[in-house]
Structure formats: C-alpha cells, structure tokens
Protein backbone atom coordinates (compact mmCIF):
# COMPACT_ATOMS: atom_id res chain seq x y z
CA MET A 1 -61.09 -85.55 -41.56
CA THR A 2 -62.87 -87.25 -44.42
CA SER A 3 -66.59 -87.78 -44.18
CA GLU A 4 -65.97 -91.55 -44.03
CA GLU A 5 -63.64 -91.10 -41.05
CA LEU A 6 -66.10 -88.82 -39.29
CA LEU A 7 -68.95 -91.28 -39.77
CA GLY A 8 -66.78 -94.13 -38.53
CA LEU A 9 -65.92 -92.12 -35.44
CA LEU A 10 -69.59 -91.43 -34.78
CA GLU A 11 -70.51 -95.07 -35.22
CA ARG A 12 -67.73 -96.05 -32.83
CA HIS A 13 -68.86 -93.61 -30.11
CA TRP A 14 -72.59 -93.42 -30.82
CA THR A 15 -73.67 -94.38 -27.29
CA THR A 16 -71.80 -91.48 -25.69
CA VAL A 17 -72.70 -89.11 -28.55
CA VAL A 18 -76.38 -89.77 -27.86
CA THR A 19 -76.01 -89.27 -24.13
CA GLY A 20 -73.68 -86.27 -24.53
CA LEU A 21 -76.06 -84.20 -26.69
CA GLY A 22 -79.36 -82.58 -25.83
CA ASP A 23 -82.48 -83.26 -27.89
CA ASP A 24 -82.05 -80.11 -30.00
CA ASP A 25 -78.41 -80.81 -30.79
CA LEU A 26 -79.17 -84.44 -31.55
CA GLY A 27 -81.88 -83.25 -33.91
CA GLN A 28 -79.32 -81.05 -35.67
CA VAL A 29 -77.03 -84.06 -36.04
CA ALA A 30 -79.90 -86.07 -37.53
CA ASP A 31 -80.74 -83.27 -39.98
CA ALA A 32 -77.11 -83.01 -41.08
CA LEU A 33 -76.92 -86.77 -41.57
CA ARG A 34 -80.04 -86.74 -43.75
CA GLU A 35 -78.57 -83.91 -45.82
CA LEU A 36 -75.29 -85.80 -46.11
CA ARG A 37 -77.11 -88.88 -47.36
CA ALA A 38 -79.18 -86.96 -49.90
CA GLU A 39 -76.11 -85.23 -51.33
CA THR A 40 -74.21 -88.50 -51.44
CA VAL A 41 -77.02 -90.04 -53.49
CA ALA A 42 -76.96 -86.93 -55.71
CA ASP A 43 -73.20 -87.40 -56.25
CA ASN A 44 -72.49 -83.82 -55.16
CA PRO A 45 -69.08 -83.59 -53.40
CA VAL A 46 -69.40 -79.85 -52.74
CA ALA A 47 -72.74 -80.28 -51.00
CA VAL A 48 -71.41 -83.32 -49.12
CA ALA A 49 -68.60 -81.16 -47.75
CA ARG A 50 -71.19 -78.57 -46.70
CA ALA A 51 -73.23 -81.23 -44.90
CA VAL A 52 -70.10 -82.47 -43.14
CA ARG A 53 -69.41 -78.92 -41.89
CA ARG A 54 -72.98 -78.71 -40.63
CA LEU A 55 -72.56 -82.02 -38.87
CA LYS A 56 -69.35 -80.84 -37.21
CA ARG A 57 -71.07 -77.68 -35.97
CA ALA A 58 -73.80 -79.79 -34.37
CA LEU A 59 -71.21 -82.05 -32.75
CA ALA A 60 -69.46 -79.03 -31.24
CA ALA A 61 -72.02 -79.25 -28.42
CA LEU A 62 -70.32 -82.41 -27.12
CA PRO A 63 -68.14 -82.03 -24.00
CA PRO A 64 -64.58 -80.94 -24.89
CA ASP A 65 -63.07 -84.13 -23.47
CA HIS A 66 -65.34 -86.39 -25.52
CA PRO A 67 -63.31 -88.51 -28.00
CA VAL A 68 -65.22 -87.04 -30.96
CA SER A 69 -64.54 -83.47 -29.79
CA GLU A 70 -60.86 -84.24 -29.28
CA ALA A 71 -60.58 -85.83 -32.72
CA LEU A 72 -62.33 -82.94 -34.45
CA GLY A 73 -60.06 -80.47 -32.69
CA GLY A 74 -56.81 -82.18 -33.70
CA PRO A 75 -54.56 -80.93 -36.51
CA ARG A 76 -55.01 -84.21 -38.38
CA TYR A 77 -58.62 -83.24 -39.06
CA ALA A 78 -58.14 -79.56 -39.83
CA ALA A 79 -59.13 -79.99 -43.48
CA ALA A 80 -61.32 -82.44 -45.35
CA PRO A 81 -61.19 -83.47 -48.99
CA ARG A 82 -64.45 -83.29 -50.93
CA GLU A 83 -65.12 -86.96 -51.32
CA LEU A 84 -68.29 -89.02 -51.20
CA PRO A 85 -68.71 -91.45 -48.31
CA ALA A 86 -70.00 -94.96 -48.86
CA LEU A 87 -73.79 -94.86 -48.73
CA GLY A 88 -73.82 -97.87 -46.42
CA THR A 89 -71.65 -95.96 -43.96
CA VAL A 90 -74.11 -93.06 -43.90
CA ASP A 91 -77.05 -95.42 -43.46
CA ALA A 92 -75.34 -97.24 -40.59
CA VAL A 93 -74.90 -93.98 -38.66
CA ILE A 94 -78.41 -92.79 -39.49
CA ASP A 95 -79.71 -96.06 -38.06
CA VAL A 96 -78.44 -95.04 -34.61
CA LEU A 97 -78.41 -91.24 -34.82
CA GLY A 98 -81.08 -90.54 -37.42
CA THR A 99 -84.60 -89.16 -37.38
CA PRO A 100 -86.70 -89.15 -35.34
CA PRO A 101 -84.07 -88.49 -32.67
CA PRO A 102 -83.93 -91.66 -30.56
CA ASP A 103 -84.59 -91.56 -26.87
CA PRO A 104 -81.08 -91.52 -25.36
CA ALA A 105 -82.07 -93.54 -22.30
CA ASP A 106 -83.69 -96.29 -24.41
CA LEU A 107 -80.71 -96.49 -26.76
CA LEU A 108 -78.26 -96.62 -23.91
CA ARG A 109 -80.18 -99.33 -22.08
CA ALA A 110 -80.47 -101.44 -25.25
CA ALA A 111 -76.76 -101.07 -26.01
CA ARG A 112 -75.74 -101.97 -22.49
CA ARG A 113 -78.03 -105.00 -22.39
CA ARG A 114 -76.42 -106.29 -25.57
CA LEU A 115 -72.90 -105.77 -24.25
CA LEU A 116 -73.67 -107.28 -20.85
CA ALA A 117 -75.08 -110.38 -22.55
CA ALA A 118 -71.64 -111.27 -23.92
CA PRO A 119 -69.62 -113.94 -22.03
CA ALA A 120 -67.83 -112.32 -19.11
CA LEU A 121 -66.05 -112.91 -15.83
CA THR A 122 -67.55 -111.60 -12.62
CA GLU A 123 -65.34 -109.69 -10.21
CA ALA A 124 -65.09 -112.79 -8.00
CA GLU A 125 -64.18 -115.05 -10.94
CA HIS A 126 -61.59 -112.58 -12.18
CA THR A 127 -60.02 -112.34 -8.72
CA ALA A 128 -59.98 -116.13 -8.23
CA LEU A 129 -58.43 -116.82 -11.63
CA THR A 130 -55.88 -114.03 -11.15
CA GLU A 131 -54.81 -115.45 -7.77
CA ALA A 132 -54.66 -118.96 -9.22
CA GLY A 133 -52.43 -117.68 -12.00
CA HIS A 134 -50.12 -115.98 -9.50
CA THR A 135 -49.94 -119.15 -7.42
CA GLY A 136 -49.16 -121.27 -10.47
CA ARG A 137 -46.41 -118.91 -11.60
CA ALA A 138 -44.96 -118.73 -8.09
CA GLU A 139 -44.87 -122.53 -7.79
CA ALA A 140 -43.27 -122.83 -11.20
CA GLY A 141 -40.72 -120.21 -10.20
CA ARG A 142 -39.90 -121.99 -6.93
CA ALA A 143 -39.52 -125.30 -8.75
CA GLU A 144 -37.23 -123.76 -11.32
CA GLY A 145 -35.25 -121.98 -8.60
CA ALA A 146 -34.87 -125.18 -6.61
CA GLU A 147 -33.64 -127.05 -9.67
CA GLN A 148 -31.14 -124.33 -10.46
CA GLY A 149 -30.09 -124.26 -6.80
CA GLU A 150 -29.43 -128.00 -6.75
CA ARG A 151 -27.32 -127.72 -9.88
CA GLY A 152 -25.42 -124.82 -8.34
CA GLU A 153 -24.80 -126.68 -5.09
CA GLU A 154 -23.51 -129.72 -6.98
CA ALA A 155 -21.11 -127.49 -8.90
CA GLU A 156 -19.96 -125.77 -5.71
CA ARG A 157 -19.43 -129.09 -3.92
CA ALA A 158 -17.42 -130.30 -6.86
CA GLU A 159 -15.25 -127.21 -6.51
CA GLY A 160 -15.00 -127.57 -2.73
CA ALA A 161 -17.00 -124.40 -2.06
CA GLU A 162 -19.76 -123.85 0.46
CA PRO A 163 -23.22 -123.71 -1.14
CA ALA A 164 -24.65 -120.22 -1.34
CA GLY A 165 -27.76 -119.49 0.68
CA SER A 166 -31.04 -119.14 -1.11
CA GLY A 167 -33.56 -116.43 -0.32
CA GLY A 168 -36.10 -114.07 -1.76
CA THR A 169 -39.67 -114.60 -2.80
CA VAL A 170 -41.35 -114.82 -6.14
CA ARG A 171 -43.37 -111.72 -6.82
CA PRO A 172 -45.92 -111.57 -9.59
CA GLY A 173 -44.98 -108.00 -10.55
CA GLY A 174 -46.28 -106.41 -13.76
CA PRO A 175 -49.36 -104.24 -14.07
CA ARG A 176 -52.29 -104.54 -11.73
CA PRO A 177 -54.69 -107.33 -12.78
CA ASP A 178 -57.36 -105.05 -14.25
CA ALA A 179 -55.07 -102.48 -15.89
CA GLY A 180 -56.03 -101.91 -19.52
CA LEU A 181 -59.17 -104.02 -19.23
CA ILE A 182 -62.81 -103.23 -19.96
CA ARG A 183 -64.87 -103.32 -16.76
CA LEU A 184 -68.62 -103.03 -17.25
CA ARG A 185 -70.92 -102.38 -14.31
CA ASP A 186 -74.08 -104.49 -14.32
CA PRO A 187 -76.69 -103.09 -11.92
CA ASP A 188 -77.74 -106.65 -10.98
CA ARG A 189 -74.52 -108.66 -11.21
CA GLY A 190 -71.81 -106.13 -10.41
CA ILE A 191 -68.57 -105.72 -12.35
CA ARG A 192 -68.24 -107.76 -15.55
CA TYR A 193 -65.04 -108.35 -17.52
CA PRO A 194 -65.86 -109.34 -21.13
CA ARG A 195 -64.34 -112.80 -21.61
CA PHE A 196 -62.66 -112.16 -24.97
CA GLN A 197 -60.01 -110.10 -23.17
CA PHE A 198 -58.34 -113.17 -21.60
CA ARG A 199 -56.52 -116.32 -22.58
CA PRO A 200 -58.95 -119.28 -22.39
CA GLY A 201 -59.49 -120.60 -18.89
CA THR A 202 -57.44 -117.84 -17.25
CA ALA A 203 -57.59 -114.20 -16.20
CA GLU A 204 -54.41 -113.49 -18.13
CA PRO A 205 -55.14 -110.54 -20.46
CA LEU A 206 -54.18 -110.82 -24.10
CA PRO A 207 -51.45 -108.20 -24.73
CA VAL A 208 -53.08 -107.00 -27.97
CA VAL A 209 -56.37 -106.44 -26.15
CA ARG A 210 -54.66 -104.31 -23.52
CA ARG A 211 -52.92 -102.24 -26.19
CA ILE A 212 -56.12 -101.68 -28.14
CA ASN A 213 -58.08 -100.86 -24.98
CA VAL A 214 -55.59 -98.07 -24.31
CA LEU A 215 -56.20 -96.72 -27.82
CA LEU A 216 -59.95 -96.95 -27.28
CA ARG A 217 -59.67 -95.21 -23.88
CA ALA A 218 -61.43 -98.05 -22.13
CA ASP A 219 -60.65 -96.49 -18.76
CA ARG A 220 -62.82 -93.47 -19.68
CA ASP A 221 -65.37 -95.05 -22.02
CA PRO A 222 -65.59 -98.78 -21.24
CA TRP A 223 -68.99 -99.10 -22.94
CA GLY A 224 -67.69 -97.55 -26.14
CA ALA A 225 -64.61 -99.79 -26.12
CA ALA A 226 -66.78 -102.86 -25.53
CA ASP A 227 -69.05 -101.80 -28.39
CA TRP A 228 -66.05 -101.64 -30.76
CA TRP A 229 -64.88 -105.11 -29.77
CA LEU A 230 -68.31 -106.76 -29.79
CA GLY A 231 -69.93 -104.98 -32.73
CA GLY A 232 -69.56 -105.56 -36.46
CA ASN A 233 -66.61 -103.84 -38.13
CA ARG A 234 -66.72 -103.24 -41.89
CA TRP A 235 -62.99 -102.58 -42.13
CA LEU A 236 -62.11 -105.90 -40.52
CA GLY A 237 -64.99 -107.85 -42.04
CA GLY A 238 -66.33 -109.18 -38.76
CA VAL A 239 -66.55 -108.70 -35.01
CA PRO A 240 -63.11 -107.72 -33.64
CA ALA A 241 -63.41 -109.92 -30.54
CA GLU A 242 -64.10 -112.93 -32.78
CA LEU A 243 -61.10 -112.10 -34.96
CA LEU A 244 -58.54 -112.37 -32.14
CA GLY A 245 -56.07 -115.03 -33.22
CA VAL A 246 -57.63 -115.08 -36.71
CA LEU A 247 -56.29 -111.79 -38.01
CA PRO A 248 -52.78 -110.57 -37.18
CA ASP A 249 -52.64 -108.44 -34.04
CA GLU A 250 -51.29 -105.59 -36.16
CA ALA A 251 -54.44 -105.55 -38.30
CA LEU A 252 -56.67 -105.18 -35.25
CA GLU A 253 -54.47 -102.47 -33.75
CA ARG A 254 -54.31 -100.61 -37.05
CA ALA A 255 -58.09 -100.60 -37.37
CA ALA A 256 -58.55 -99.28 -33.84
CA ALA A 257 -55.78 -96.71 -34.18
CA GLU A 258 -57.04 -95.43 -37.51
CA LEU A 259 -60.54 -95.09 -36.10
CA VAL A 260 -59.47 -92.88 -33.22
CA GLY A 261 -56.87 -90.98 -35.23
CA ALA A 262 -53.87 -92.38 -33.38
CA LEU A 263 -51.82 -93.09 -36.51
C-alpha cells in the first residue's frame, strides 16, 4: 500500500478509526502522522516509509474486521514503494486524526450531525414511495397484459380458436426495498435514507449507488459510506453524491473501488 492509499483509506474511515482506537493508540496514530508530514516536507522517502510502518503498527489495534485492518492485511498491500504522499493529503488526515487526539465522542457526534442534515427520506416516506412504485408498476403491467390479451384474443377468434384464459398476478420481485442502501439512525427522527440514493420523486434506488454501497460495505458501516458520498473527494473533484449523473457511473465506481482496494 502506498502512503497516499493508506491516507485515503484513513480519511474514508476516520469516524470508525477514531471510535475503534483507545486514546493511547490514537495518540500513536497522531504521532506517526506528524512524523510522516515532517519527513514529507523534508523530501525523505526512506523516513516517510518508516513513518508509514509506524502508522501501520498503531493501526494494528483496530478490530480485525475493521475495513482498514482488512485492507492492511491483504496481499495487495504487502509491500509499499518509498514515495512521498501529497502534503495536502497528509494535512487532511491530520485535521481529523491529528494532535491533540480529538475526543472520539465529539467527533462522532459532529460527523453524524452533518450527515443527518443532508436531504433524506424517513422510514415512512420510503415505505410509502416504495409501495406507490409497486402499485404503479403493477397497474402498468396489468394494462400491458390486457392489451396483449386483447390482441391475442382477436388473433384466436380470427383463427377460430377459443381465447386462452388469463391468470397470474404481477409481482414486484427484485431485491428488498432497502437492500444495498444507506440507512442512518437518527435518535430523534428514526431511520433516514439519504435522498441522493434514489431517482427524483421516487424510492427507486439508483443502480450505481447500490453497487458502490456494496463496495463501501454500507450494511456494516453506513456512517462511513454516507461520509464518502457526502464529503469532498479530491480524486473526483467534488462531492460524489453531487456528481451522480455528471460523471460516468464507471468513474464513481472506480474511485470507490480503488479506495477500498477492490480493484
């Protein structure tokens, strides 16, 4: 793993890194980040690599199933070239993980307030729009079936055959309505579904959002996934949620996949 990739991973998962480390371990992370910055400024690749190793040792205290732990343990990241990260990347991570070690509870509350402030559907709104969508599709299906049935009956009458009976019901099918979606729990307002995930005016999820949410493990870390979508992204040059329909879907997926090491 390059230092740039490691820093990007930390910035992506900073909320759960903060809450997953004790004060001492978080202090070690902060010390390693300061060393990494100093050696980057000094243009010393060997010392940068040493600081990266120190940072990895501090991050080893994270739970084994944490996305950062899993990424660091994968074969893709077994070795790291001695390259200098962008100074802005180091500073961005220091801002959230630097010294003095931030209070995890305060950071987490601030992050969640920001994410919960984004436009979202409530559980009731999501359910109502989902049912309305199913009803609309069912009615469209019945209308299409009736039209096809009339054409078939006309053809059968022309051939002197008895019309075939019609039966069956239209079933929505597909994945469950909230599969692959970010669900954030607001202590005051209940479940919230960030609005960017859906086609305008509906509860129909955008396929690219569902695919990226799987990459981001939204089922296990919905806050981290929401932070990726609703935070600034240097690689994409903007906020991913605001770039839906602006950038090609492949560009968004590639950025998410590269960040979590899925490519």
